[in-house]
């Protein structure tokens, strides 16, 4: 019971347990989700990294030009980070945790999700 003039949040009821999504177990759905996650990353980069959440111009033709020019700029930005053709991309140095695993001859998994069940 609360004192007069004070507010108390409503009591929370626990949510019923929901089953895990199928994509975690079905390899076909996992492959489709991998493609989707890559596309979602690109869309997120446009929306948050390049100001595409709001359009600068009014009218579809001008908005379309803004989107095309932004896409060209993003592609140039991505290509400028690549090494010249024929060269390989240098590997990143291992982290301290990876060094620890290597020193103790513990195999490194590609993903931490492989451990969970």
N, C-alpha and C. Protein backbone atom coordinates (compact mmCIF):
# COMPACT_ATOMS: atom_id res chain seq x y z
N UNK A 1 0.85 -1.17 0.00
CA UNK A 1 0.00 0.00 0.00
C UNK A 1 0.90 1.23 0.00
N UNK A 2 0.54 2.19 -0.83
CA UNK A 2 1.33 3.41 -0.92
C UNK A 2 0.63 4.54 -0.18
N UNK A 3 1.43 5.48 0.20
CA UNK A 3 0.88 6.64 0.91
C UNK A 3 0.10 7.51 -0.07
N UNK A 4 -0.87 8.27 0.40
CA UNK A 4 -1.63 9.14 -0.51
C UNK A 4 -0.69 10.13 -1.20
N UNK A 5 -0.92 10.30 -2.49
CA UNK A 5 -0.12 11.25 -3.26
C UNK A 5 1.16 10.65 -3.83
N UNK A 6 1.42 9.38 -3.61
CA UNK A 6 2.60 8.74 -4.20
C UNK A 6 2.15 7.75 -5.25
N UNK A 7 3.05 7.42 -6.12
CA UNK A 7 2.74 6.50 -7.21
C UNK A 7 3.61 5.26 -7.11
N UNK A 8 3.03 4.12 -7.36
CA UNK A 8 3.79 2.87 -7.37
C UNK A 8 3.57 2.20 -8.72
N UNK A 9 4.62 1.65 -9.31
CA UNK A 9 4.44 0.98 -10.60
C UNK A 9 3.57 -0.26 -10.43
N UNK A 10 2.86 -0.66 -11.48
CA UNK A 10 2.04 -1.86 -11.38
C UNK A 10 2.91 -3.10 -11.20
N UNK A 11 2.35 -4.10 -10.58
CA UNK A 11 3.09 -5.34 -10.35
C UNK A 11 3.37 -6.01 -11.69
N UNK A 12 4.57 -6.51 -11.85
CA UNK A 12 4.94 -7.17 -13.10
C UNK A 12 4.61 -8.65 -13.03
N UNK A 13 4.06 -9.15 -14.09
CA UNK A 13 3.77 -10.58 -14.16
C UNK A 13 4.81 -11.22 -15.06
N UNK A 14 5.27 -12.40 -14.71
CA UNK A 14 6.29 -13.05 -15.55
C UNK A 14 5.70 -13.45 -16.90
N UNK A 15 6.53 -13.33 -17.93
CA UNK A 15 6.11 -13.71 -19.27
C UNK A 15 6.19 -15.22 -19.42
N UNK A 16 5.28 -15.81 -20.17
CA UNK A 16 5.38 -17.26 -20.38
C UNK A 16 6.60 -17.58 -21.24
N UNK A 17 7.19 -18.72 -21.00
CA UNK A 17 8.37 -19.14 -21.75
C UNK A 17 7.98 -19.37 -23.21
N UNK A 18 8.80 -18.82 -24.12
CA UNK A 18 8.54 -19.02 -25.54
C UNK A 18 9.59 -19.95 -26.10
N UNK A 19 9.21 -20.78 -27.08
CA UNK A 19 10.21 -21.68 -27.66
C UNK A 19 11.25 -20.91 -28.45
N UNK A 20 12.43 -21.49 -28.59
CA UNK A 20 13.49 -20.86 -29.36
C UNK A 20 13.10 -20.79 -30.82
N UNK A 21 13.58 -19.78 -31.54
CA UNK A 21 13.26 -19.71 -32.97
C UNK A 21 13.83 -20.91 -33.71
N UNK A 22 13.18 -21.26 -34.83
CA UNK A 22 13.61 -22.42 -35.59
C UNK A 22 14.98 -22.23 -36.23
N UNK A 23 15.36 -20.98 -36.52
CA UNK A 23 16.62 -20.78 -37.25
C UNK A 23 17.83 -21.28 -36.48
N UNK A 24 17.69 -21.43 -35.15
CA UNK A 24 18.83 -21.90 -34.37
C UNK A 24 19.12 -23.37 -34.66
N UNK A 25 18.11 -24.12 -35.13
CA UNK A 25 18.32 -25.55 -35.34
C UNK A 25 18.26 -25.95 -36.80
N UNK A 26 17.55 -25.21 -37.62
CA UNK A 26 17.37 -25.57 -39.03
C UNK A 26 18.49 -24.95 -39.87
N UNK A 27 19.33 -25.76 -40.53
CA UNK A 27 20.45 -25.19 -41.30
C UNK A 27 19.99 -24.32 -42.47
N UNK A 28 18.84 -24.64 -43.08
CA UNK A 28 18.36 -23.81 -44.20
C UNK A 28 18.00 -22.41 -43.71
N UNK A 29 17.33 -22.36 -42.57
CA UNK A 29 16.96 -21.05 -42.04
C UNK A 29 18.19 -20.30 -41.52
N UNK A 30 19.16 -21.02 -41.01
CA UNK A 30 20.39 -20.37 -40.54
C UNK A 30 21.12 -19.71 -41.71
N UNK A 31 21.14 -20.37 -42.87
CA UNK A 31 21.80 -19.80 -44.05
C UNK A 31 21.05 -18.56 -44.53
N UNK A 32 19.73 -18.61 -44.53
CA UNK A 32 18.95 -17.44 -44.93
C UNK A 32 19.15 -16.29 -43.95
N UNK A 33 19.22 -16.61 -42.67
CA UNK A 33 19.41 -15.57 -41.66
C UNK A 33 20.79 -14.93 -41.79
N UNK A 34 21.80 -15.71 -42.18
CA UNK A 34 23.14 -15.16 -42.35
C UNK A 34 23.13 -14.10 -43.46
N UNK A 35 22.42 -14.36 -44.54
CA UNK A 35 22.32 -13.38 -45.62
C UNK A 35 21.58 -12.15 -45.13
N UNK A 36 20.49 -12.38 -44.41
CA UNK A 36 19.69 -11.26 -43.94
C UNK A 36 20.48 -10.38 -42.96
N UNK A 37 21.25 -11.01 -42.09
CA UNK A 37 22.00 -10.22 -41.11
C UNK A 37 23.03 -9.33 -41.79
N UNK A 38 23.60 -9.81 -42.89
CA UNK A 38 24.57 -8.99 -43.64
C UNK A 38 23.88 -7.78 -44.26
N UNK A 39 22.68 -8.00 -44.83
CA UNK A 39 21.93 -6.91 -45.43
C UNK A 39 21.51 -5.91 -44.35
N UNK A 40 21.06 -6.42 -43.21
CA UNK A 40 20.64 -5.54 -42.13
C UNK A 40 21.81 -4.68 -41.64
N UNK A 41 23.02 -5.23 -41.66
CA UNK A 41 24.19 -4.45 -41.27
C UNK A 41 24.44 -3.29 -42.22
N UNK A 42 24.25 -3.54 -43.52
CA UNK A 42 24.43 -2.49 -44.51
C UNK A 42 23.37 -1.41 -44.34
N UNK A 43 22.12 -1.82 -44.13
CA UNK A 43 21.04 -0.85 -43.93
C UNK A 43 21.31 -0.02 -42.68
N UNK A 44 21.78 -0.68 -41.63
CA UNK A 44 22.10 0.04 -40.39
C UNK A 44 23.23 1.05 -40.62
N UNK A 45 24.22 0.68 -41.41
CA UNK A 45 25.31 1.60 -41.71
C UNK A 45 24.79 2.84 -42.44
N UNK A 46 23.89 2.64 -43.39
CA UNK A 46 23.32 3.79 -44.10
C UNK A 46 22.51 4.66 -43.15
N UNK A 47 21.65 4.03 -42.34
CA UNK A 47 20.74 4.81 -41.50
C UNK A 47 21.48 5.59 -40.42
N UNK A 48 22.44 4.96 -39.78
CA UNK A 48 23.10 5.60 -38.65
C UNK A 48 24.43 6.25 -39.01
N UNK A 49 25.15 5.68 -39.93
CA UNK A 49 26.47 6.20 -40.24
C UNK A 49 26.49 7.29 -41.28
N UNK A 50 25.44 7.36 -42.10
CA UNK A 50 25.46 8.32 -43.20
C UNK A 50 24.22 9.21 -43.25
N UNK A 51 23.49 9.26 -42.16
CA UNK A 51 22.38 10.18 -42.06
C UNK A 51 21.21 9.89 -42.98
N UNK A 52 20.99 8.63 -43.32
CA UNK A 52 19.89 8.31 -44.21
C UNK A 52 18.58 8.08 -43.47
N UNK A 53 18.57 8.34 -42.19
CA UNK A 53 17.32 8.21 -41.43
C UNK A 53 16.32 9.26 -41.91
N UNK A 54 16.83 10.45 -42.22
CA UNK A 54 15.97 11.52 -42.74
C UNK A 54 16.54 11.98 -44.09
N UNK A 55 15.62 12.32 -44.97
CA UNK A 55 16.04 12.77 -46.29
C UNK A 55 16.29 14.28 -46.27
N UNK A 56 17.28 14.71 -46.97
CA UNK A 56 17.63 16.13 -47.00
C UNK A 56 16.75 16.91 -47.97
N UNK A 57 16.23 16.23 -48.99
CA UNK A 57 15.50 16.91 -50.05
C UNK A 57 14.05 16.46 -50.08
N UNK A 58 13.20 17.29 -50.69
CA UNK A 58 11.79 16.95 -50.85
C UNK A 58 11.56 16.46 -52.27
N UNK A 59 10.73 15.45 -52.41
CA UNK A 59 10.41 14.92 -53.73
C UNK A 59 11.19 13.65 -54.01
N UNK A 60 10.53 12.74 -54.67
CA UNK A 60 11.15 11.44 -54.92
C UNK A 60 12.39 11.51 -55.80
N UNK A 61 12.41 12.29 -56.88
CA UNK A 61 13.62 12.31 -57.71
C UNK A 61 14.86 12.78 -56.95
N UNK A 62 14.70 13.84 -56.16
CA UNK A 62 15.86 14.33 -55.39
C UNK A 62 16.25 13.36 -54.29
N UNK A 63 15.27 12.75 -53.63
CA UNK A 63 15.58 11.77 -52.59
C UNK A 63 16.30 10.57 -53.19
N UNK A 64 15.87 10.16 -54.39
CA UNK A 64 16.52 9.03 -55.06
C UNK A 64 17.98 9.38 -55.36
N UNK A 65 18.22 10.60 -55.84
CA UNK A 65 19.60 11.01 -56.12
C UNK A 65 20.44 11.00 -54.85
N UNK A 66 19.86 11.45 -53.75
CA UNK A 66 20.59 11.43 -52.49
C UNK A 66 20.98 10.00 -52.11
N UNK A 67 20.05 9.07 -52.29
CA UNK A 67 20.35 7.68 -51.95
C UNK A 67 21.43 7.09 -52.87
N UNK A 68 21.33 7.40 -54.15
CA UNK A 68 22.34 6.88 -55.10
C UNK A 68 23.71 7.45 -54.79
N UNK A 69 23.80 8.76 -54.55
CA UNK A 69 25.10 9.37 -54.26
C UNK A 69 25.67 8.86 -52.94
N UNK A 70 24.80 8.63 -51.96
CA UNK A 70 25.29 8.09 -50.70
C UNK A 70 25.81 6.67 -50.90
N UNK A 71 25.12 5.87 -51.70
CA UNK A 71 25.57 4.50 -51.98
C UNK A 71 26.92 4.51 -52.69
N UNK A 72 27.09 5.44 -53.63
CA UNK A 72 28.38 5.55 -54.33
C UNK A 72 29.48 5.92 -53.34
N UNK A 73 29.18 6.87 -52.46
CA UNK A 73 30.18 7.29 -51.47
C UNK A 73 30.55 6.14 -50.53
N UNK A 74 29.57 5.34 -50.12
CA UNK A 74 29.85 4.21 -49.24
C UNK A 74 30.71 3.18 -49.97
N UNK A 75 30.41 2.92 -51.24
CA UNK A 75 31.21 1.96 -52.00
C UNK A 75 32.65 2.44 -52.17
N UNK A 76 32.83 3.72 -52.44
CA UNK A 76 34.20 4.27 -52.55
C UNK A 76 34.91 4.15 -51.22
N UNK A 77 34.18 4.44 -50.15
CA UNK A 77 34.77 4.34 -48.81
C UNK A 77 35.21 2.90 -48.51
N UNK A 78 34.38 1.95 -48.88
CA UNK A 78 34.73 0.54 -48.65
C UNK A 78 35.90 0.10 -49.51
N UNK A 79 35.90 0.52 -50.79
CA UNK A 79 36.98 0.12 -51.69
C UNK A 79 38.31 0.74 -51.28
N UNK A 80 38.27 1.94 -50.71
CA UNK A 80 39.52 2.59 -50.33
C UNK A 80 40.20 1.85 -49.18
N UNK A 81 39.45 1.06 -48.43
CA UNK A 81 40.03 0.31 -47.32
C UNK A 81 40.62 -1.02 -47.74
N UNK A 82 40.40 -1.43 -48.99
CA UNK A 82 40.92 -2.71 -49.48
C UNK A 82 42.35 -2.56 -49.98
N UNK A 83 43.15 -3.61 -49.84
CA UNK A 83 44.50 -3.55 -50.40
C UNK A 83 44.44 -3.66 -51.92
N UNK A 84 45.50 -3.26 -52.64
CA UNK A 84 45.51 -3.41 -54.10
C UNK A 84 45.31 -4.87 -54.48
N UNK A 85 44.75 -5.09 -55.67
CA UNK A 85 44.45 -6.46 -56.08
C UNK A 85 45.72 -7.29 -56.13
N UNK A 86 45.59 -8.53 -55.74
CA UNK A 86 46.74 -9.42 -55.72
C UNK A 86 47.36 -9.55 -54.34
N UNK A 87 47.18 -8.57 -53.48
CA UNK A 87 47.72 -8.64 -52.13
C UNK A 87 46.68 -9.23 -51.19
N UNK A 88 47.15 -9.89 -50.17
CA UNK A 88 46.23 -10.44 -49.18
C UNK A 88 46.04 -9.43 -48.05
N UNK A 89 44.92 -9.54 -47.41
CA UNK A 89 44.62 -8.66 -46.28
C UNK A 89 45.41 -9.16 -45.08
N UNK A 90 46.18 -8.29 -44.42
CA UNK A 90 46.95 -8.75 -43.27
C UNK A 90 46.02 -9.18 -42.13
N UNK A 91 46.41 -10.27 -41.48
CA UNK A 91 45.61 -10.79 -40.37
C UNK A 91 45.76 -9.88 -39.16
N UNK A 92 44.70 -9.81 -38.36
CA UNK A 92 44.77 -9.01 -37.14
C UNK A 92 45.61 -9.77 -36.12
N UNK A 93 46.35 -9.05 -35.30
CA UNK A 93 47.12 -9.74 -34.27
C UNK A 93 46.17 -10.39 -33.27
N UNK A 94 46.56 -11.53 -32.69
CA UNK A 94 45.68 -12.20 -31.74
C UNK A 94 45.47 -11.38 -30.48
N UNK A 95 44.31 -11.55 -29.88
CA UNK A 95 44.01 -10.85 -28.63
C UNK A 95 44.73 -11.54 -27.48
N UNK A 96 44.71 -10.93 -26.31
CA UNK A 96 45.35 -11.52 -25.13
C UNK A 96 44.69 -12.85 -24.78
N UNK A 97 43.38 -12.92 -24.94
CA UNK A 97 42.67 -14.17 -24.64
C UNK A 97 43.08 -15.27 -25.62
N UNK A 98 43.22 -14.92 -26.90
CA UNK A 98 43.66 -15.91 -27.88
C UNK A 98 45.08 -16.37 -27.59
N UNK A 99 45.95 -15.45 -27.17
CA UNK A 99 47.31 -15.85 -26.78
C UNK A 99 47.28 -16.82 -25.60
N UNK A 100 46.40 -16.54 -24.63
CA UNK A 100 46.26 -17.42 -23.47
C UNK A 100 45.83 -18.82 -23.91
N UNK A 101 44.86 -18.89 -24.80
CA UNK A 101 44.40 -20.20 -25.29
C UNK A 101 45.54 -20.94 -26.00
N UNK A 102 46.30 -20.20 -26.82
CA UNK A 102 47.41 -20.84 -27.55
C UNK A 102 48.50 -21.32 -26.60
N UNK A 103 48.82 -20.55 -25.57
CA UNK A 103 49.87 -20.93 -24.62
C UNK A 103 49.49 -22.20 -23.85
N UNK A 104 48.19 -22.34 -23.55
CA UNK A 104 47.74 -23.50 -22.79
C UNK A 104 47.20 -24.61 -23.68
N UNK A 105 47.46 -24.49 -24.99
CA UNK A 105 47.08 -25.48 -25.99
C UNK A 105 45.60 -25.83 -25.91
N UNK A 106 44.78 -24.81 -25.72
CA UNK A 106 43.33 -24.98 -25.72
C UNK A 106 42.85 -24.61 -27.12
N UNK A 107 42.08 -25.48 -27.78
CA UNK A 107 41.66 -25.16 -29.15
C UNK A 107 40.70 -23.96 -29.16
N UNK A 108 40.89 -23.12 -30.17
CA UNK A 108 40.01 -21.95 -30.33
C UNK A 108 38.83 -22.35 -31.20
N UNK A 109 37.63 -22.04 -30.75
CA UNK A 109 36.45 -22.28 -31.55
C UNK A 109 36.19 -21.07 -32.44
N UNK A 110 35.52 -21.28 -33.56
CA UNK A 110 35.21 -20.17 -34.45
C UNK A 110 34.20 -19.24 -33.81
N UNK A 111 33.31 -19.78 -32.99
CA UNK A 111 32.27 -18.97 -32.39
C UNK A 111 32.02 -19.45 -30.98
N UNK A 112 31.75 -18.53 -30.07
CA UNK A 112 31.42 -18.91 -28.71
C UNK A 112 30.07 -19.60 -28.65
N UNK A 113 29.24 -19.41 -29.69
CA UNK A 113 27.94 -20.06 -29.71
C UNK A 113 28.06 -21.57 -29.86
N UNK A 114 29.19 -22.04 -30.35
CA UNK A 114 29.37 -23.48 -30.52
C UNK A 114 29.44 -24.19 -29.17
N UNK A 115 29.77 -23.45 -28.11
CA UNK A 115 29.89 -24.02 -26.79
C UNK A 115 28.51 -24.19 -26.15
N UNK A 116 27.65 -23.21 -26.36
CA UNK A 116 26.32 -23.27 -25.71
C UNK A 116 25.46 -24.30 -26.39
N UNK A 117 24.48 -24.77 -25.65
CA UNK A 117 23.57 -25.75 -26.23
C UNK A 117 22.13 -25.37 -26.03
